[in-house]
Amino acid sequence: MIVADQIRAARSMLGLTQAALAKAAGLSTTGLNNIERGMADPKASTLRAIQGALEEAGIIFLSEGETTAGGRGVRLRG
């Protein structure tokens, strides 16, 4: 599952506002804001919706060990 840091990084890479990503994922802006700040414990289906919206926009999510630093990450498809 993706984590808040990956969501923020991916959204930033794409230049998306929270409102734009929330709309694409079918969430409220407040809900997305709470997830990004770690103030919510989202359902797996919610995280899948966010991940799907970001992947459709061109993001690839990297698992632990797939980055130089060894942690999770994101990159643009290309």
N, C-alpha and C. Protein backbone atom coordinates (compact mmCIF):
# COMPACT_ATOMS: atom_id res chain seq x y z
N MET A 1 0.84 -1.20 0.00
CA MET A 1 0.00 0.00 0.00
C MET A 1 0.88 1.26 0.00
N ILE A 2 0.39 2.27 -0.66
CA ILE A 2 1.11 3.54 -0.69
C ILE A 2 0.95 4.26 0.65
N VAL A 3 1.86 5.20 0.91
CA VAL A 3 1.84 5.96 2.16
C VAL A 3 1.73 7.45 1.86
N ALA A 4 1.45 8.23 2.89
CA ALA A 4 1.21 9.67 2.74
C ALA A 4 2.36 10.39 2.05
N ASP A 5 3.60 10.06 2.39
CA ASP A 5 4.74 10.72 1.76
C ASP A 5 4.77 10.49 0.26
N GLN A 6 4.40 9.29 -0.16
CA GLN A 6 4.36 9.00 -1.59
C GLN A 6 3.25 9.78 -2.29
N ILE A 7 2.12 9.91 -1.63
CA ILE A 7 1.00 10.66 -2.21
C ILE A 7 1.40 12.12 -2.40
N ARG A 8 1.96 12.72 -1.36
CA ARG A 8 2.40 14.13 -1.46
C ARG A 8 3.44 14.31 -2.54
N ALA A 9 4.44 13.42 -2.58
CA ALA A 9 5.51 13.53 -3.58
C ALA A 9 4.96 13.38 -5.00
N ALA A 10 4.10 12.41 -5.19
CA ALA A 10 3.52 12.18 -6.52
C ALA A 10 2.68 13.37 -6.96
N ARG A 11 1.88 13.87 -6.06
CA ARG A 11 1.02 15.02 -6.39
C ARG A 11 1.88 16.22 -6.75
N SER A 12 2.95 16.42 -6.01
CA SER A 12 3.86 17.54 -6.27
C SER A 12 4.55 17.38 -7.64
N MET A 13 5.01 16.17 -7.94
CA MET A 13 5.67 15.92 -9.23
C MET A 13 4.75 16.23 -10.40
N LEU A 14 3.47 15.98 -10.22
CA LEU A 14 2.50 16.22 -11.29
C LEU A 14 1.95 17.64 -11.29
N GLY A 15 2.24 18.40 -10.23
CA GLY A 15 1.71 19.76 -10.13
C GLY A 15 0.22 19.79 -9.86
N LEU A 16 -0.29 18.74 -9.21
CA LEU A 16 -1.71 18.67 -8.89
C LEU A 16 -2.01 19.32 -7.55
N THR A 17 -3.13 19.97 -7.46
CA THR A 17 -3.62 20.46 -6.17
C THR A 17 -4.29 19.30 -5.45
N GLN A 18 -4.49 19.46 -4.15
CA GLN A 18 -5.23 18.45 -3.41
C GLN A 18 -6.63 18.32 -3.97
N ALA A 19 -7.23 19.42 -4.35
CA ALA A 19 -8.60 19.38 -4.88
C ALA A 19 -8.66 18.57 -6.17
N ALA A 20 -7.67 18.75 -7.05
CA ALA A 20 -7.66 18.03 -8.33
C ALA A 20 -7.48 16.53 -8.11
N LEU A 21 -6.55 16.16 -7.23
CA LEU A 21 -6.34 14.74 -6.96
C LEU A 21 -7.55 14.14 -6.27
N ALA A 22 -8.10 14.86 -5.32
CA ALA A 22 -9.28 14.35 -4.61
C ALA A 22 -10.41 14.07 -5.60
N LYS A 23 -10.64 14.99 -6.52
CA LYS A 23 -11.70 14.80 -7.51
C LYS A 23 -11.41 13.58 -8.38
N ALA A 24 -10.17 13.44 -8.82
CA ALA A 24 -9.80 12.31 -9.68
C ALA A 24 -9.95 10.97 -8.96
N ALA A 25 -9.74 10.99 -7.65
CA ALA A 25 -9.83 9.75 -6.86
C ALA A 25 -11.21 9.53 -6.25
N GLY A 26 -12.10 10.50 -6.41
CA GLY A 26 -13.45 10.37 -5.87
C GLY A 26 -13.52 10.60 -4.37
N LEU A 27 -12.66 11.49 -3.86
CA LEU A 27 -12.61 11.80 -2.43
C LEU A 27 -12.93 13.26 -2.20
N SER A 28 -13.14 13.60 -0.94
CA SER A 28 -13.26 15.02 -0.59
C SER A 28 -11.85 15.59 -0.42
N THR A 29 -11.71 16.87 -0.65
CA THR A 29 -10.42 17.52 -0.46
C THR A 29 -9.99 17.41 1.00
N THR A 30 -10.92 17.57 1.91
CA THR A 30 -10.61 17.45 3.34
C THR A 30 -10.11 16.05 3.66
N GLY A 31 -10.73 15.04 3.09
CA GLY A 31 -10.30 13.67 3.33
C GLY A 31 -8.89 13.43 2.84
N LEU A 32 -8.57 13.91 1.64
CA LEU A 32 -7.22 13.76 1.11
C LEU A 32 -6.22 14.52 1.97
N ASN A 33 -6.58 15.72 2.37
CA ASN A 33 -5.70 16.51 3.23
C ASN A 33 -5.38 15.76 4.52
N ASN A 34 -6.38 15.16 5.12
CA ASN A 34 -6.17 14.40 6.36
C ASN A 34 -5.28 13.19 6.13
N ILE A 35 -5.43 12.53 5.00
CA ILE A 35 -4.59 11.38 4.68
C ILE A 35 -3.14 11.83 4.50
N GLU A 36 -2.93 12.89 3.75
CA GLU A 36 -1.57 13.38 3.50
C GLU A 36 -0.89 13.83 4.80
N ARG A 37 -1.65 14.36 5.74
CA ARG A 37 -1.07 14.82 7.00
C ARG A 37 -0.95 13.70 8.04
N GLY A 38 -1.41 12.51 7.68
CA GLY A 38 -1.34 11.39 8.62
C GLY A 38 -2.38 11.46 9.72
N MET A 39 -3.44 12.22 9.49
CA MET A 39 -4.49 12.41 10.49
C MET A 39 -5.68 11.48 10.26
N ALA A 40 -5.56 10.61 9.26
CA ALA A 40 -6.64 9.68 8.96
C ALA A 40 -6.05 8.30 8.71
N ASP A 41 -6.83 7.29 8.96
CA ASP A 41 -6.44 5.91 8.68
C ASP A 41 -7.35 5.41 7.56
N PRO A 42 -6.93 5.68 6.31
CA PRO A 42 -7.82 5.37 5.18
C PRO A 42 -7.98 3.88 4.93
N LYS A 43 -9.13 3.53 4.37
CA LYS A 43 -9.37 2.16 3.96
C LYS A 43 -8.46 1.82 2.78
N ALA A 44 -8.21 0.55 2.60
CA ALA A 44 -7.39 0.09 1.48
C ALA A 44 -8.00 0.54 0.15
N SER A 45 -9.32 0.54 0.06
CA SER A 45 -9.99 0.95 -1.18
C SER A 45 -9.74 2.43 -1.48
N THR A 46 -9.64 3.24 -0.45
CA THR A 46 -9.36 4.67 -0.63
C THR A 46 -7.95 4.86 -1.15
N LEU A 47 -7.00 4.14 -0.57
CA LEU A 47 -5.62 4.23 -1.04
C LEU A 47 -5.49 3.72 -2.47
N ARG A 48 -6.23 2.67 -2.81
CA ARG A 48 -6.21 2.17 -4.18
C ARG A 48 -6.76 3.21 -5.15
N ALA A 49 -7.79 3.94 -4.75
CA ALA A 49 -8.37 4.98 -5.61
C ALA A 49 -7.36 6.11 -5.84
N ILE A 50 -6.66 6.50 -4.79
CA ILE A 50 -5.64 7.55 -4.93
C ILE A 50 -4.51 7.05 -5.81
N GLN A 51 -4.05 5.84 -5.55
CA GLN A 51 -2.96 5.27 -6.34
C GLN A 51 -3.36 5.17 -7.80
N GLY A 52 -4.56 4.72 -8.06
CA GLY A 52 -5.03 4.59 -9.44
C GLY A 52 -5.07 5.93 -10.17
N ALA A 53 -5.54 6.96 -9.47
CA ALA A 53 -5.61 8.29 -10.08
C ALA A 53 -4.21 8.82 -10.40
N LEU A 54 -3.26 8.58 -9.50
CA LEU A 54 -1.90 9.06 -9.71
C LEU A 54 -1.19 8.25 -10.79
N GLU A 55 -1.42 6.95 -10.82
CA GLU A 55 -0.81 6.13 -11.88
C GLU A 55 -1.36 6.49 -13.25
N GLU A 56 -2.65 6.78 -13.30
CA GLU A 56 -3.26 7.19 -14.57
C GLU A 56 -2.65 8.50 -15.06
N ALA A 57 -2.23 9.34 -14.12
CA ALA A 57 -1.62 10.63 -14.47
C ALA A 57 -0.12 10.51 -14.78
N GLY A 58 0.44 9.30 -14.62
CA GLY A 58 1.83 9.10 -15.02
C GLY A 58 2.83 8.79 -13.92
N ILE A 59 2.36 8.42 -12.75
CA ILE A 59 3.25 8.12 -11.62
C ILE A 59 3.47 6.61 -11.52
N ILE A 60 4.69 6.23 -11.18
CA ILE A 60 5.02 4.85 -10.85
C ILE A 60 5.45 4.83 -9.40
N PHE A 61 4.83 3.96 -8.61
CA PHE A 61 5.17 3.84 -7.19
C PHE A 61 6.25 2.79 -7.02
N LEU A 62 7.26 3.12 -6.21
CA LEU A 62 8.39 2.24 -5.95
C LEU A 62 8.29 1.66 -4.55
N SER A 63 8.52 0.37 -4.43
CA SER A 63 8.47 -0.30 -3.13
C SER A 63 9.80 -0.12 -2.39
N GLU A 64 9.81 -0.51 -1.14
CA GLU A 64 11.05 -0.47 -0.37
C GLU A 64 12.11 -1.29 -1.10
N GLY A 65 13.32 -0.74 -1.18
CA GLY A 65 14.41 -1.42 -1.86
C GLY A 65 14.56 -1.06 -3.32
N GLU A 66 13.56 -0.39 -3.90
CA GLU A 66 13.63 -0.02 -5.31
C GLU A 66 14.23 1.38 -5.51
N THR A 67 14.53 2.07 -4.43
CA THR A 67 15.12 3.40 -4.53
C THR A 67 16.56 3.36 -4.05
N THR A 68 17.32 4.36 -4.40
CA THR A 68 18.73 4.43 -3.99
C THR A 68 18.84 4.44 -2.47
N ALA A 69 17.94 5.15 -1.81
CA ALA A 69 17.96 5.23 -0.35
C ALA A 69 17.38 3.99 0.33
N GLY A 70 16.77 3.13 -0.46
CA GLY A 70 16.22 1.89 0.09
C GLY A 70 14.78 1.95 0.55
N GLY A 71 14.21 3.15 0.64
CA GLY A 71 12.83 3.29 1.09
C GLY A 71 11.86 3.28 -0.06
N ARG A 72 10.62 3.62 0.24
CA ARG A 72 9.59 3.74 -0.79
C ARG A 72 9.80 5.03 -1.55
N GLY A 73 9.25 5.09 -2.75
CA GLY A 73 9.38 6.32 -3.53
C GLY A 73 8.39 6.38 -4.67
N VAL A 74 8.55 7.41 -5.49
CA VAL A 74 7.72 7.59 -6.68
C VAL A 74 8.61 8.13 -7.79
N ARG A 75 8.17 7.90 -9.02
CA ARG A 75 8.85 8.50 -10.18
C ARG A 75 7.83 8.68 -11.29
N LEU A 76 8.17 9.53 -12.22
CA LEU A 76 7.31 9.73 -13.39
C LEU A 76 7.56 8.62 -14.40
N ARG A 77 6.49 8.18 -15.02
CA ARG A 77 6.63 7.20 -16.09
C ARG A 77 7.35 7.87 -17.25
N GLY A 78 8.18 7.13 -17.93
CA GLY A 78 8.83 7.77 -19.06
C GLY A 78 10.02 7.14 -19.50
